[in-house]
Amino acid sequence: MSARLVVCTTCRFSADAPTDAAGLSGGRRFLDAVSAAVKGVDDLRVEEQACLWACVSHCAVYLAEAGKPAYLAGRFAPTQEAAQAVTAFARLYAASPNGAVAYRDWPEGMKGHFIARLPSDGLET
């Protein structure tokens, strides 16, 4: 089983600009950074979603695995550093039998970025 790390591809690049100088959305840039950060990590799979409806909290990601609560997080800059923090948390989440990650273990780059903790989908792992 692997955890799903879903990245919103339509998130704004910044509060002031929907796209960067090359015309790419922040979500697309963040997807590229997250995809690079999880390369070689077997317990995570990156997916893309056109909109996670978290526009006020761009760039947004959704983390889920069967039988575990899911997390929606946002307010990330589309950078490699933010992608590394998301990936580090996602690896801890995937390794946890119940999806719980102790606050003391959260990567610094994840603190203050959670939007919601969502109930398990009810499926067994």
PDB file of N, CA and C in Angstrom:
ATOM      1  N   MET A   1       0.852  -1.182   0.000  1.00  0.00           N
ATOM      2  CA  MET A   1       0.000   0.000   0.000  1.00  0.00           C
ATOM      3  C   MET A   1       0.891   1.236   0.000  1.00  0.00           C
ATOM      4  N   SER A   2       0.449   2.273  -0.670  1.00  0.00           N
ATOM      5  CA  SER A   2       1.208   3.515  -0.668  1.00  0.00           C
ATOM      6  C   SER A   2       0.273   4.688  -0.432  1.00  0.00           C
ATOM      7  N   ALA A   3       0.812   5.722   0.156  1.00  0.00           N
ATOM      8  CA  ALA A   3       0.048   6.936   0.415  1.00  0.00           C
ATOM      9  C   ALA A   3      -0.043   7.757  -0.866  1.00  0.00           C
ATOM     10  N   ARG A   4      -1.176   8.408  -1.029  1.00  0.00           N
ATOM     11  CA  ARG A   4      -1.393   9.312  -2.163  1.00  0.00           C
ATOM     12  C   ARG A   4      -1.048  10.726  -1.732  1.00  0.00           C
ATOM     13  N   LEU A   5      -0.238  11.383  -2.505  1.00  0.00           N
ATOM     14  CA  LEU A   5       0.101  12.774  -2.280  1.00  0.00           C
ATOM     15  C   LEU A   5      -0.403  13.536  -3.507  1.00  0.00           C
ATOM     16  N   VAL A   6      -1.547  14.183  -3.350  1.00  0.00           N
ATOM     17  CA  VAL A   6      -2.217  14.851  -4.464  1.00  0.00           C
ATOM     18  C   VAL A   6      -1.887  16.340  -4.421  1.00  0.00           C
ATOM     19  N   VAL A   7      -1.360  16.851  -5.518  1.00  0.00           N
ATOM     20  CA  VAL A   7      -0.954  18.252  -5.610  1.00  0.00           C
ATOM     21  C   VAL A   7      -1.917  18.985  -6.533  1.00  0.00           C
ATOM     22  N   CYS A   8      -2.419  20.120  -6.068  1.00  0.00           N
ATOM     23  CA  CYS A   8      -3.294  20.952  -6.889  1.00  0.00           C
ATOM     24  C   CYS A   8      -2.450  21.632  -7.966  1.00  0.00           C
ATOM     25  N   THR A   9      -2.813  21.429  -9.215  1.00  0.00           N
ATOM     26  CA  THR A   9      -2.019  21.979 -10.323  1.00  0.00           C
ATOM     27  C   THR A   9      -2.438  23.385 -10.743  1.00  0.00           C
ATOM     28  N   THR A  10      -3.566  23.864 -10.222  1.00  0.00           N
ATOM     29  CA  THR A  10      -4.058  25.171 -10.656  1.00  0.00           C
ATOM     30  C   THR A  10      -3.861  26.262  -9.614  1.00  0.00           C
ATOM     31  N   CYS A  11      -3.186  25.959  -8.514  1.00  0.00           N
ATOM     32  CA  CYS A  11      -2.939  26.968  -7.483  1.00  0.00           C
ATOM     33  C   CYS A  11      -2.120  28.131  -8.052  1.00  0.00           C
ATOM     34  N   ARG A  12      -2.354  29.291  -7.492  1.00  0.00           N
ATOM     35  CA  ARG A  12      -1.638  30.495  -7.898  1.00  0.00           C
ATOM     36  C   ARG A  12      -0.143  30.359  -7.607  1.00  0.00           C
ATOM     37  N   PHE A  13       0.649  31.102  -8.330  1.00  0.00           N
ATOM     38  CA  PHE A  13       2.088  31.135  -8.071  1.00  0.00           C
ATOM     39  C   PHE A  13       2.379  31.913  -6.788  1.00  0.00           C
ATOM     40  N   SER A  14       1.649  32.995  -6.583  1.00  0.00           N
ATOM     41  CA  SER A  14       1.802  33.817  -5.382  1.00  0.00           C
ATOM     42  C   SER A  14       0.495  34.568  -5.156  1.00  0.00           C
ATOM     43  N   ALA A  15       0.421  35.298  -4.055  1.00  0.00           N
ATOM     44  CA  ALA A  15      -0.784  36.081  -3.771  1.00  0.00           C
ATOM     45  C   ALA A  15      -1.013  37.144  -4.837  1.00  0.00           C
ATOM     46  N   ASP A  16       0.074  37.590  -5.458  1.00  0.00           N
ATOM     47  CA  ASP A  16      -0.015  38.664  -6.450  1.00  0.00           C
ATOM     48  C   ASP A  16      -0.075  38.197  -7.897  1.00  0.00           C
ATOM     49  N   ALA A  17       0.302  36.933  -8.155  1.00  0.00           N
ATOM     50  CA  ALA A  17       0.401  36.472  -9.540  1.00  0.00           C
ATOM     51  C   ALA A  17      -0.103  35.039  -9.685  1.00  0.00           C
ATOM     52  N   PRO A  18      -0.946  34.791 -10.680  1.00  0.00           N
ATOM     53  CA  PRO A  18      -1.424  33.429 -10.905  1.00  0.00           C
ATOM     54  C   PRO A  18      -0.349  32.513 -11.501  1.00  0.00           C
ATOM     55  N   THR A  19       0.600  33.102 -12.235  1.00  0.00           N
ATOM     56  CA  THR A  19       1.648  32.305 -12.880  1.00  0.00           C
ATOM     57  C   THR A  19       3.003  32.978 -12.681  1.00  0.00           C
ATOM     58  N   ASP A  20       4.050  32.196 -12.941  1.00  0.00           N
ATOM     59  CA  ASP A  20       5.396  32.762 -12.879  1.00  0.00           C
ATOM     60  C   ASP A  20       5.742  33.408 -14.220  1.00  0.00           C
ATOM     61  N   ALA A  21       6.967  33.865 -14.373  1.00  0.00           N
ATOM     62  CA  ALA A  21       7.400  34.536 -15.599  1.00  0.00           C
ATOM     63  C   ALA A  21       7.301  33.629 -16.824  1.00  0.00           C
ATOM     64  N   ALA A  22       7.384  32.308 -16.611  1.00  0.00           N
ATOM     65  CA  ALA A  22       7.288  31.355 -17.721  1.00  0.00           C
ATOM     66  C   ALA A  22       5.840  30.971 -18.028  1.00  0.00           C
ATOM     67  N   GLY A  23       4.887  31.526 -17.254  1.00  0.00           N
ATOM     68  CA  GLY A  23       3.479  31.228 -17.496  1.00  0.00           C
ATOM     69  C   GLY A  23       2.976  29.978 -16.794  1.00  0.00           C
ATOM     70  N   LEU A  24       3.761  29.422 -15.869  1.00  0.00           N
ATOM     71  CA  LEU A  24       3.348  28.221 -15.148  1.00  0.00           C
ATOM     72  C   LEU A  24       2.699  28.589 -13.816  1.00  0.00           C
ATOM     73  N   SER A  25       1.642  27.880 -13.477  1.00  0.00           N
ATOM     74  CA  SER A  25       0.971  28.115 -12.197  1.00  0.00           C
ATOM     75  C   SER A  25       1.876  27.665 -11.054  1.00  0.00           C
ATOM     76  N   GLY A  26       1.612  28.186  -9.875  1.00  0.00           N
ATOM     77  CA  GLY A  26       2.345  27.738  -8.700  1.00  0.00           C
ATOM     78  C   GLY A  26       2.112  26.261  -8.455  1.00  0.00           C
ATOM     79  N   GLY A  27       0.885  25.811  -8.698  1.00  0.00           N
ATOM     80  CA  GLY A  27       0.571  24.396  -8.520  1.00  0.00           C
ATOM     81  C   GLY A  27       1.385  23.501  -9.435  1.00  0.00           C
ATOM     82  N   ARG A  28       1.544  23.909 -10.679  1.00  0.00           N
ATOM     83  CA  ARG A  28       2.341  23.120 -11.624  1.00  0.00           C
ATOM     84  C   ARG A  28       3.800  23.088 -11.174  1.00  0.00           C
ATOM     85  N   ARG A  29       4.322  24.241 -10.733  1.00  0.00           N
ATOM     86  CA  ARG A  29       5.701  24.300 -10.233  1.00  0.00           C
ATOM     87  C   ARG A  29       5.850  23.411  -8.988  1.00  0.00           C
ATOM     88  N   PHE A  30       4.830  23.457  -8.099  1.00  0.00           N
ATOM     89  CA  PHE A  30       4.904  22.665  -6.879  1.00  0.00           C
ATOM     90  C   PHE A  30       4.809  21.177  -7.192  1.00  0.00           C
ATOM     91  N   LEU A  31       3.982  20.806  -8.148  1.00  0.00           N
ATOM     92  CA  LEU A  31       3.891  19.404  -8.570  1.00  0.00           C
ATOM     93  C   LEU A  31       5.254  18.919  -9.050  1.00  0.00           C
ATOM     94  N   ASP A  32       5.931  19.714  -9.846  1.00  0.00           N
ATOM     95  CA  ASP A  32       7.261  19.333 -10.332  1.00  0.00           C
ATOM     96  C   ASP A  32       8.242  19.146  -9.169  1.00  0.00           C
ATOM     97  N   ALA A  33       8.184  20.060  -8.197  1.00  0.00           N
ATOM     98  CA  ALA A  33       9.097  19.979  -7.045  1.00  0.00           C
ATOM     99  C   ALA A  33       8.781  18.763  -6.172  1.00  0.00           C
ATOM    100  N   VAL A  34       7.499  18.502  -5.920  1.00  0.00           N
ATOM    101  CA  VAL A  34       7.106  17.354  -5.110  1.00  0.00           C
ATOM    102  C   VAL A  34       7.467  16.058  -5.838  1.00  0.00           C
ATOM    103  N   SER A  35       7.220  16.002  -7.130  1.00  0.00           N
ATOM    104  CA  SER A  35       7.557  14.802  -7.910  1.00  0.00           C
ATOM    105  C   SER A  35       9.048  14.504  -7.832  1.00  0.00           C
ATOM    106  N   ALA A  36       9.868  15.533  -7.906  1.00  0.00           N
ATOM    107  CA  ALA A  36      11.317  15.345  -7.796  1.00  0.00           C
ATOM    108  C   ALA A  36      11.694  14.883  -6.389  1.00  0.00           C
ATOM    109  N   ALA A  37      11.013  15.417  -5.379  1.00  0.00           N
ATOM    110  CA  ALA A  37      11.338  15.075  -3.991  1.00  0.00           C
ATOM    111  C   ALA A  37      10.978  13.635  -3.641  1.00  0.00           C
ATOM    112  N   VAL A  38       9.979  13.059  -4.298  1.00  0.00           N
ATOM    113  CA  VAL A  38       9.572  11.682  -3.968  1.00  0.00           C
ATOM    114  C   VAL A  38      10.210  10.638  -4.877  1.00  0.00           C
ATOM    115  N   LYS A  39      11.020  11.079  -5.796  1.00  0.00           N
ATOM    116  CA  LYS A  39      11.685  10.129  -6.696  1.00  0.00           C
ATOM    117  C   LYS A  39      12.440   9.086  -5.871  1.00  0.00           C
ATOM    118  N   GLY A  40      12.153   7.824  -6.125  1.00  0.00           N
ATOM    119  CA  GLY A  40      12.808   6.736  -5.414  1.00  0.00           C
ATOM    120  C   GLY A  40      12.164   6.362  -4.094  1.00  0.00           C
ATOM    121  N   VAL A  41      11.082   7.046  -3.704  1.00  0.00           N
ATOM    122  CA  VAL A  41      10.371   6.729  -2.466  1.00  0.00           C
ATOM    123  C   VAL A  41       9.203   5.809  -2.832  1.00  0.00           C
ATOM    124  N   ASP A  42       9.298   4.566  -2.423  1.00  0.00           N
ATOM    125  CA  ASP A  42       8.308   3.568  -2.833  1.00  0.00           C
ATOM    126  C   ASP A  42       6.961   3.687  -2.158  1.00  0.00           C
ATOM    127  N   ASP A  43       6.909   4.249  -0.946  1.00  0.00           N
ATOM    128  CA  ASP A  43       5.647   4.265  -0.209  1.00  0.00           C
ATOM    129  C   ASP A  43       4.799   5.508  -0.460  1.00  0.00           C
ATOM    130  N   LEU A  44       5.167   6.319  -1.457  1.00  0.00           N
ATOM    131  CA  LEU A  44       4.385   7.500  -1.826  1.00  0.00           C
ATOM    132  C   LEU A  44       4.147   7.517  -3.325  1.00  0.00           C
ATOM    133  N   ARG A  45       2.953   7.922  -3.696  1.00  0.00           N
ATOM    134  CA  ARG A  45       2.699   8.139  -5.120  1.00  0.00           C
ATOM    135  C   ARG A  45       2.093   9.534  -5.295  1.00  0.00           C
ATOM    136  N   VAL A  46       2.633  10.271  -6.216  1.00  0.00           N
ATOM    137  CA  VAL A  46       2.190  11.638  -6.485  1.00  0.00           C
ATOM    138  C   VAL A  46       1.112  11.606  -7.554  1.00  0.00           C
ATOM    139  N   GLU A  47       0.047  12.349  -7.289  1.00  0.00           N
ATOM    140  CA  GLU A  47      -1.040  12.496  -8.244  1.00  0.00           C
ATOM    141  C   GLU A  47      -1.306  13.980  -8.404  1.00  0.00           C
ATOM    142  N   GLU A  48      -1.998  14.324  -9.457  1.00  0.00           N
ATOM    143  CA  GLU A  48      -2.353  15.722  -9.659  1.00  0.00           C
ATOM    144  C   GLU A  48      -3.862  15.881  -9.727  1.00  0.00           C
ATOM    145  N   GLN A  49      -4.322  17.033  -9.291  1.00  0.00           N
ATOM    146  CA  GLN A  49      -5.746  17.370  -9.306  1.00  0.00           C
ATOM    147  C   GLN A  49      -5.847  18.795  -9.819  1.00  0.00           C
ATOM    148  N   ALA A  50      -6.788  19.040 -10.711  1.00  0.00           N
ATOM    149  CA  ALA A  50      -6.919  20.372 -11.302  1.00  0.00           C
ATOM    150  C   ALA A  50      -7.276  21.441 -10.266  1.00  0.00           C
ATOM    151  N   CYS A  51      -8.024  21.118  -9.235  1.00  0.00           N
ATOM    152  CA  CYS A  51      -8.327  22.101  -8.192  1.00  0.00           C
ATOM    153  C   CYS A  51      -8.747  21.372  -6.927  1.00  0.00           C
ATOM    154  N   LEU A  52      -8.153  21.747  -5.818  1.00  0.00           N
ATOM    155  CA  LEU A  52      -8.529  21.171  -4.526  1.00  0.00           C
ATOM    156  C   LEU A  52      -9.467  22.100  -3.748  1.00  0.00           C
ATOM    157  N   TRP A  53      -9.870  23.196  -4.350  1.00  0.00           N
ATOM    158  CA  TRP A  53     -10.776  24.173  -3.744  1.00  0.00           C
ATOM    159  C   TRP A  53     -10.202  24.778  -2.476  1.00  0.00           C
ATOM    160  N   ALA A  54      -8.914  24.956  -2.459  1.00  0.00           N
ATOM    161  CA  ALA A  54      -8.239  25.594  -1.331  1.00  0.00           C
ATOM    162  C   ALA A  54      -7.518  26.846  -1.828  1.00  0.00           C
ATOM    163  N   CYS A  55      -8.161  27.583  -2.706  1.00  0.00           N
ATOM    164  CA  CYS A  55      -7.525  28.694  -3.418  1.00  0.00           C
ATOM    165  C   CYS A  55      -6.925  29.755  -2.494  1.00  0.00           C
ATOM    166  N   VAL A  56      -7.541  30.009  -1.368  1.00  0.00           N
ATOM    167  CA  VAL A  56      -7.011  30.998  -0.433  1.00  0.00           C
ATOM    168  C   VAL A  56      -5.711  30.501   0.182  1.00  0.00           C
ATOM    169  N   SER A  57      -5.506  29.200   0.150  1.00  0.00           N
ATOM    170  CA  SER A  57      -4.333  28.581   0.776  1.00  0.00           C
ATOM    171  C   SER A  57      -3.398  27.933  -0.243  1.00  0.00           C
ATOM    172  N   HIS A  58      -3.184  28.609  -1.355  1.00  0.00           N
ATOM    173  CA  HIS A  58      -2.300  28.045  -2.388  1.00  0.00           C
ATOM    174  C   HIS A  58      -0.883  27.944  -1.859  1.00  0.00           C
ATOM    175  N   CYS A  59      -0.091  27.124  -2.310  1.00  0.00           N
ATOM    176  CA  CYS A  59      -0.229  25.870  -3.039  1.00  0.00           C
ATOM    177  C   CYS A  59      -0.702  24.784  -2.066  1.00  0.00           C
ATOM    178  N   ALA A  60      -1.622  23.936  -2.523  1.00  0.00           N
ATOM    179  CA  ALA A  60      -2.260  22.970  -1.640  1.00  0.00           C
ATOM    180  C   ALA A  60      -1.942  21.534  -2.039  1.00  0.00           C
ATOM    181  N   VAL A  61      -1.911  20.663  -1.012  1.00  0.00           N
ATOM    182  CA  VAL A  61      -1.703  19.232  -1.211  1.00  0.00           C
ATOM    183  C   VAL A  61      -2.675  18.460  -0.333  1.00  0.00           C
ATOM    184  N   TYR A  62      -2.992  17.256  -0.779  1.00  0.00           N
ATOM    185  CA  TYR A  62      -3.879  16.351  -0.047  1.00  0.00           C
ATOM    186  C   TYR A  62      -3.108  15.049   0.138  1.00  0.00           C
ATOM    187  N   LEU A  63      -3.093  14.536   1.361  1.00  0.00           N
ATOM    188  CA  LEU A  63      -2.365  13.311   1.683  1.00  0.00           C
ATOM    189  C   LEU A  63      -3.351  12.294   2.236  1.00  0.00           C
ATOM    190  N   ALA A  64      -3.391  11.104   1.641  1.00  0.00           N
ATOM    191  CA  ALA A  64      -4.354  10.090   2.086  1.00  0.00           C
ATOM    192  C   ALA A  64      -3.813   8.690   1.861  1.00  0.00           C
ATOM    193  N   GLU A  65      -4.304   7.776   2.691  1.00  0.00           N
ATOM    194  CA  GLU A  65      -4.023   6.356   2.530  1.00  0.00           C
ATOM    195  C   GLU A  65      -5.197   5.608   3.140  1.00  0.00           C
ATOM    196  N   ALA A  66      -5.557   4.488   2.548  1.00  0.00           N
ATOM    197  CA  ALA A  66      -6.694   3.702   3.015  1.00  0.00           C
ATOM    198  C   ALA A  66      -6.569   3.389   4.498  1.00  0.00           C
ATOM    199  N   GLY A  67      -7.668   3.584   5.224  1.00  0.00           N
ATOM    200  CA  GLY A  67      -7.703   3.261   6.643  1.00  0.00           C
ATOM    201  C   GLY A  67      -7.099   4.306   7.561  1.00  0.00           C
ATOM    202  N   LYS A  68      -6.622   5.419   7.004  1.00  0.00           N
ATOM    203  CA  LYS A  68      -6.008   6.479   7.812  1.00  0.00           C
ATOM    204  C   LYS A  68      -6.734   7.792   7.559  1.00  0.00           C
ATOM    205  N   PRO A  69      -6.713   8.700   8.545  1.00  0.00           N
ATOM    206  CA  PRO A  69      -7.264  10.026   8.264  1.00  0.00           C
ATOM    207  C   PRO A  69      -6.419  10.692   7.174  1.00  0.00           C
ATOM    208  N   ALA A  70      -7.041  11.578   6.428  1.00  0.00           N
ATOM    209  CA  ALA A  70      -6.351  12.308   5.364  1.00  0.00           C
ATOM    210  C   ALA A  70      -6.053  13.732   5.840  1.00  0.00           C
ATOM    211  N   TYR A  71      -5.127  14.382   5.169  1.00  0.00           N
ATOM    212  CA  TYR A  71      -4.751  15.745   5.532  1.00  0.00           C
ATOM    213  C   TYR A  71      -4.769  16.633   4.295  1.00  0.00           C
ATOM    214  N   LEU A  72      -5.268  17.847   4.473  1.00  0.00           N
ATOM    215  CA  LEU A  72      -5.201  18.888   3.459  1.00  0.00           C
ATOM    216  C   LEU A  72      -4.297  19.973   4.026  1.00  0.00           C
ATOM    217  N   ALA A  73      -3.288  20.337   3.280  1.00  0.00           N
ATOM    218  CA  ALA A  73      -2.344  21.366   3.724  1.00  0.00           C
ATOM    219  C   ALA A  73      -2.118  22.354   2.594  1.00  0.00           C
ATOM    220  N   GLY A  74      -1.780  23.578   2.945  1.00  0.00           N
ATOM    221  CA  GLY A  74      -1.569  24.607   1.927  1.00  0.00           C
ATOM    222  C   GLY A  74      -0.728  25.751   2.460  1.00  0.00           C
ATOM    223  N   ARG A  75      -0.775  26.846   1.716  1.00  0.00           N
ATOM    224  CA  ARG A  75       0.021  28.039   1.999  1.00  0.00           C
ATOM    225  C   ARG A  75       1.510  27.756   1.827  1.00  0.00           C
ATOM    226  N   PHE A  76       1.830  26.947   0.821  1.00  0.00           N
ATOM    227  CA  PHE A  76       3.221  26.643   0.496  1.00  0.00           C
ATOM    228  C   PHE A  76       3.683  27.523  -0.656  1.00  0.00           C
ATOM    229  N   ALA A  77       4.941  27.880  -0.647  1.00  0.00           N
ATOM    230  CA  ALA A  77       5.564  28.474  -1.829  1.00  0.00           C
ATOM    231  C   ALA A  77       5.937  27.298  -2.726  1.00  0.00           C
ATOM    232  N   PRO A  78       5.864  27.454  -4.030  1.00  0.00           N
ATOM    233  CA  PRO A  78       6.196  26.341  -4.930  1.00  0.00           C
ATOM    234  C   PRO A  78       7.701  26.141  -5.075  1.00  0.00           C
ATOM    235  N   THR A  79       8.324  25.753  -3.967  1.00  0.00           N
ATOM    236  CA  THR A  79       9.786  25.619  -3.920  1.00  0.00           C
ATOM    237  C   THR A  79      10.193  24.198  -3.583  1.00  0.00           C
ATOM    238  N   GLN A  80      11.447  23.901  -3.842  1.00  0.00           N
ATOM    239  CA  GLN A  80      11.997  22.594  -3.500  1.00  0.00           C
ATOM    240  C   GLN A  80      12.015  22.392  -1.989  1.00  0.00           C
ATOM    241  N   GLU A  81      12.277  23.453  -1.233  1.00  0.00           N
ATOM    242  CA  GLU A  81      12.304  23.346   0.233  1.00  0.00           C
ATOM    243  C   GLU A  81      10.937  22.951   0.772  1.00  0.00           C
ATOM    244  N   ALA A  82       9.886  23.575   0.268  1.00  0.00           N
ATOM    245  CA  ALA A  82       8.528  23.229   0.704  1.00  0.00           C
ATOM    246  C   ALA A  82       8.184  21.805   0.282  1.00  0.00           C
ATOM    247  N   ALA A  83       8.584  21.420  -0.909  1.00  0.00           N
ATOM    248  CA  ALA A  83       8.324  20.060  -1.398  1.00  0.00           C
ATOM    249  C   ALA A  83       9.038  19.030  -0.522  1.00  0.00           C
ATOM    250  N   GLN A  84      10.241  19.341  -0.071  1.00  0.00           N
ATOM    251  CA  GLN A  84      10.979  18.434   0.809  1.00  0.00           C
ATOM    252  C   GLN A  84      10.251  18.268   2.144  1.00  0.00           C
ATOM    253  N   ALA A  85       9.701  19.363   2.687  1.00  0.00           N
ATOM    254  CA  ALA A  85       8.959  19.289   3.950  1.00  0.00           C
ATOM    255  C   ALA A  85       7.701  18.442   3.790  1.00  0.00           C
ATOM    256  N   VAL A  86       6.974  18.658   2.712  1.00  0.00           N
ATOM    257  CA  VAL A  86       5.759  17.879   2.446  1.00  0.00           C
ATOM    258  C   VAL A  86       6.110  16.400   2.304  1.00  0.00           C
ATOM    259  N   THR A  87       7.146  16.112   1.556  1.00  0.00           N
ATOM    260  CA  THR A  87       7.562  14.725   1.340  1.00  0.00           C
ATOM    261  C   THR A  87       8.024  14.077   2.643  1.00  0.00           C
ATOM    262  N   ALA A  88       8.759  14.810   3.459  1.00  0.00           N
ATOM    263  CA  ALA A  88       9.224  14.262   4.741  1.00  0.00           C
ATOM    264  C   ALA A  88       8.030  13.915   5.623  1.00  0.00           C
ATOM    265  N   PHE A  89       7.031  14.803   5.698  1.00  0.00           N
ATOM    266  CA  PHE A  89       5.844  14.503   6.495  1.00  0.00           C
ATOM    267  C   PHE A  89       5.097  13.316   5.903  1.00  0.00           C
ATOM    268  N   ALA A  90       4.954  13.283   4.591  1.00  0.00           N
ATOM    269  CA  ALA A  90       4.230  12.198   3.927  1.00  0.00           C
ATOM    270  C   ALA A  90       4.891  10.847   4.183  1.00  0.00           C
ATOM    271  N   ARG A  91       6.196  10.807   4.239  1.00  0.00           N
ATOM    272  CA  ARG A  91       6.905   9.552   4.536  1.00  0.00           C
ATOM    273  C   ARG A  91       6.621   9.092   5.965  1.00  0.00           C
ATOM    274  N   LEU A  92       6.600  10.020   6.916  1.00  0.00           N
ATOM    275  CA  LEU A  92       6.269   9.680   8.302  1.00  0.00           C
ATOM    276  C   LEU A  92       4.831   9.177   8.399  1.00  0.00           C
ATOM    277  N   TYR A  93       3.941   9.842   7.695  1.00  0.00           N
ATOM    278  CA  TYR A  93       2.529   9.447   7.653  1.00  0.00           C
ATOM    279  C   TYR A  93       2.392   8.041   7.079  1.00  0.00           C
ATOM    280  N   ALA A  94       3.043   7.774   5.965  1.00  0.00           N
ATOM    281  CA  ALA A  94       2.955   6.464   5.308  1.00  0.00           C
ATOM    282  C   ALA A  94       3.502   5.364   6.204  1.00  0.00           C
ATOM    283  N   ALA A  95       4.538   5.664   6.977  1.00  0.00           N
ATOM    284  CA  ALA A  95       5.154   4.670   7.855  1.00  0.00           C
ATOM    285  C   ALA A  95       4.332   4.423   9.121  1.00  0.00           C
ATOM    286  N   SER A  96       3.450   5.344   9.438  1.00  0.00           N
ATOM    287  CA  SER A  96       2.641   5.212  10.654  1.00  0.00           C
ATOM    288  C   SER A  96       1.476   4.248  10.420  1.00  0.00           C
ATOM    289  N   PRO A  97       1.218   3.338  11.354  1.00  0.00           N
ATOM    290  CA  PRO A  97       0.122   2.382  11.160  1.00  0.00           C
ATOM    291  C   PRO A  97      -1.263   3.029  11.181  1.00  0.00           C
ATOM    292  N   ASN A  98      -1.385   4.199  11.823  1.00  0.00           N
ATOM    293  CA  ASN A  98      -2.698   4.838  11.928  1.00  0.00           C
ATOM    294  C   ASN A  98      -2.741   6.256  11.364  1.00  0.00           C
ATOM    295  N   GLY A  99      -1.687   6.683  10.714  1.00  0.00           N
ATOM    296  CA  GLY A  99      -1.651   8.006  10.108  1.00  0.00           C
ATOM    297  C   GLY A  99      -1.285   9.127  11.064  1.00  0.00           C
ATOM    298  N   ALA A 100      -1.023   8.790  12.319  1.00  0.00           N
ATOM    299  CA  ALA A 100      -0.664   9.815  13.302  1.00  0.00           C
ATOM    300  C   ALA A 100       0.842  10.070  13.259  1.00  0.00           C
ATOM    301  N   VAL A 101       1.188  11.338  13.218  1.00  0.00           N
ATOM    302  CA  VAL A 101       2.592  11.748  13.273  1.00  0.00           C
ATOM    303  C   VAL A 101       2.703  12.728  14.433  1.00  0.00           C
ATOM    304  N   ALA A 102       3.525  12.411  15.406  1.00  0.00           N
ATOM    305  CA  ALA A 102       3.689  13.277  16.572  1.00  0.00           C
ATOM    306  C   ALA A 102       4.183  14.653  16.148  1.00  0.00           C
ATOM    307  N   TYR A 103       3.646  15.690  16.765  1.00  0.00           N
ATOM    308  CA  TYR A 103       4.014  17.059  16.429  1.00  0.00           C
ATOM    309  C   TYR A 103       5.526  17.263  16.487  1.00  0.00           C
ATOM    310  N   ARG A 104       6.175  16.665  17.464  1.00  0.00           N
ATOM    311  CA  ARG A 104       7.632  16.836  17.609  1.00  0.00           C
ATOM    312  C   ARG A 104       8.390  16.314  16.387  1.00  0.00           C
ATOM    313  N   ASP A 105       7.746  15.430  15.592  1.00  0.00           N
ATOM    314  CA  ASP A 105       8.390  14.857  14.414  1.00  0.00           C
ATOM    315  C   ASP A 105       8.052  15.591  13.113  1.00  0.00           C
ATOM    316  N   TRP A 106       7.130  16.547  13.196  1.00  0.00           N
ATOM    317  CA  TRP A 106       6.763  17.277  11.986  1.00  0.00           C
ATOM    318  C   TRP A 106       7.964  18.069  11.471  1.00  0.00           C
ATOM    319  N   PRO A 107       8.195  18.020  10.175  1.00  0.00           N
ATOM    320  CA  PRO A 107       9.219  18.903   9.601  1.00  0.00           C
ATOM    321  C   PRO A 107       8.813  20.361   9.847  1.00  0.00           C
ATOM    322  N   GLU A 108       9.763  21.201  10.121  1.00  0.00           N
ATOM    323  CA  GLU A 108       9.480  22.613  10.405  1.00  0.00           C
ATOM    324  C   GLU A 108       8.643  23.251   9.294  1.00  0.00           C
ATOM    325  N   GLY A 109       8.919  22.855   8.055  1.00  0.00           N
ATOM    326  CA  GLY A 109       8.213  23.426   6.911  1.00  0.00           C
ATOM    327  C   GLY A 109       6.754  23.017   6.795  1.00  0.00           C
ATOM    328  N   MET A 110       6.274  22.118   7.666  1.00  0.00           N
ATOM    329  CA  MET A 110       4.857  21.717   7.672  1.00  0.00           C
ATOM    330  C   MET A 110       4.054  22.451   8.745  1.00  0.00           C
ATOM    331  N   LYS A 111       4.738  22.938   9.748  1.00  0.00           N
ATOM    332  CA  LYS A 111       4.039  23.602  10.853  1.00  0.00           C
ATOM    333  C   LYS A 111       3.348  24.864  10.359  1.00  0.00           C
ATOM    334  N   GLY A 112       2.068  24.973  10.692  1.00  0.00           N
ATOM    335  CA  GLY A 112       1.274  26.131  10.270  1.00  0.00           C
ATOM    336  C   GLY A 112       0.663  25.995   8.883  1.00  0.00           C
ATOM    337  N   HIS A 113       0.825  24.837   8.255  1.00  0.00           N
ATOM    338  CA  HIS A 113       0.327  24.665   6.889  1.00  0.00           C
ATOM    339  C   HIS A 113      -0.902  23.761   6.784  1.00  0.00           C
ATOM    340  N   PHE A 114      -1.285  23.118   7.875  1.00  0.00           N
ATOM    341  CA  PHE A 114      -2.435  22.212   7.790  1.00  0.00           C
ATOM    342  C   PHE A 114      -3.739  23.006   7.735  1.00  0.00           C
ATOM    343  N   ILE A 115      -4.630  22.572   6.860  1.00  0.00           N
ATOM    344  CA  ILE A 115      -5.941  23.186   6.700  1.00  0.00           C
ATOM    345  C   ILE A 115      -7.000  22.305   7.359  1.00  0.00           C
ATOM    346  N   ALA A 116      -6.906  20.989   7.125  1.00  0.00           N
ATOM    347  CA  ALA A 116      -7.920  20.072   7.660  1.00  0.00           C
ATOM    348  C   ALA A 116      -7.358  18.673   7.828  1.00  0.00           C
ATOM    349  N   ARG A 117      -7.881  17.989   8.849  1.00  0.00           N
ATOM    350  CA  ARG A 117      -7.660  16.555   9.047  1.00  0.00           C
ATOM    351  C   ARG A 117      -9.010  15.919   8.772  1.00  0.00           C
ATOM    352  N   LEU A 118      -9.065  15.034   7.803  1.00  0.00           N
ATOM    353  CA  LEU A 118     -10.315  14.464   7.329  1.00  0.00           C
ATOM    354  C   LEU A 118     -10.448  13.023   7.771  1.00  0.00           C
ATOM    355  N   PRO A 119     -11.670  12.563   8.046  1.00  0.00           N
ATOM    356  CA  PRO A 119     -11.857  11.182   8.501  1.00  0.00           C
ATOM    357  C   PRO A 119     -11.354  10.166   7.479  1.00  0.00           C
ATOM    358  N   SER A 120     -11.019   9.009   7.985  1.00  0.00           N
ATOM    359  CA  SER A 120     -10.594   7.897   7.139  1.00  0.00           C
ATOM    360  C   SER A 120     -11.688   7.583   6.139  1.00  0.00           C
ATOM    361  N   ASP A 121     -11.278   7.040   5.001  1.00  0.00           N
ATOM    362  CA  ASP A 121     -12.263   6.630   3.999  1.00  0.00           C
ATOM    363  C   ASP A 121     -12.976   5.353   4.402  1.00  0.00           C
ATOM    364  N   GLY A 122     -12.546   4.739   5.506  1.00  0.00           N
ATOM    365  CA  GLY A 122     -13.185   3.531   6.002  1.00  0.00           C
ATOM    366  C   GLY A 122     -12.697   2.244   5.356  1.00  0.00           C
ATOM    367  N   LEU A 123     -11.833   2.350   4.373  1.00  0.00           N
ATOM    368  CA  LEU A 123     -11.302   1.160   3.719  1.00  0.00           C
ATOM    369  C   LEU A 123     -10.162   0.582   4.537  1.00  0.00           C
ATOM    370  N   GLU A 124     -10.046  -0.707   4.505  1.00  0.00           N
ATOM    371  CA  GLU A 124      -8.956  -1.371   5.218  1.00  0.00           C
ATOM    372  C   GLU A 124      -7.679  -1.272   4.411  1.00  0.00           C
ATOM    373  N   THR A 125      -6.562  -1.279   5.110  1.00  0.00           N
ATOM    374  CA  THR A 125      -5.266  -1.225   4.421  1.00  0.00           C
ATOM    375  C   THR A 125      -4.868  -2.584   3.933  1.00  0.00           C
TER     376      THR A 125
END
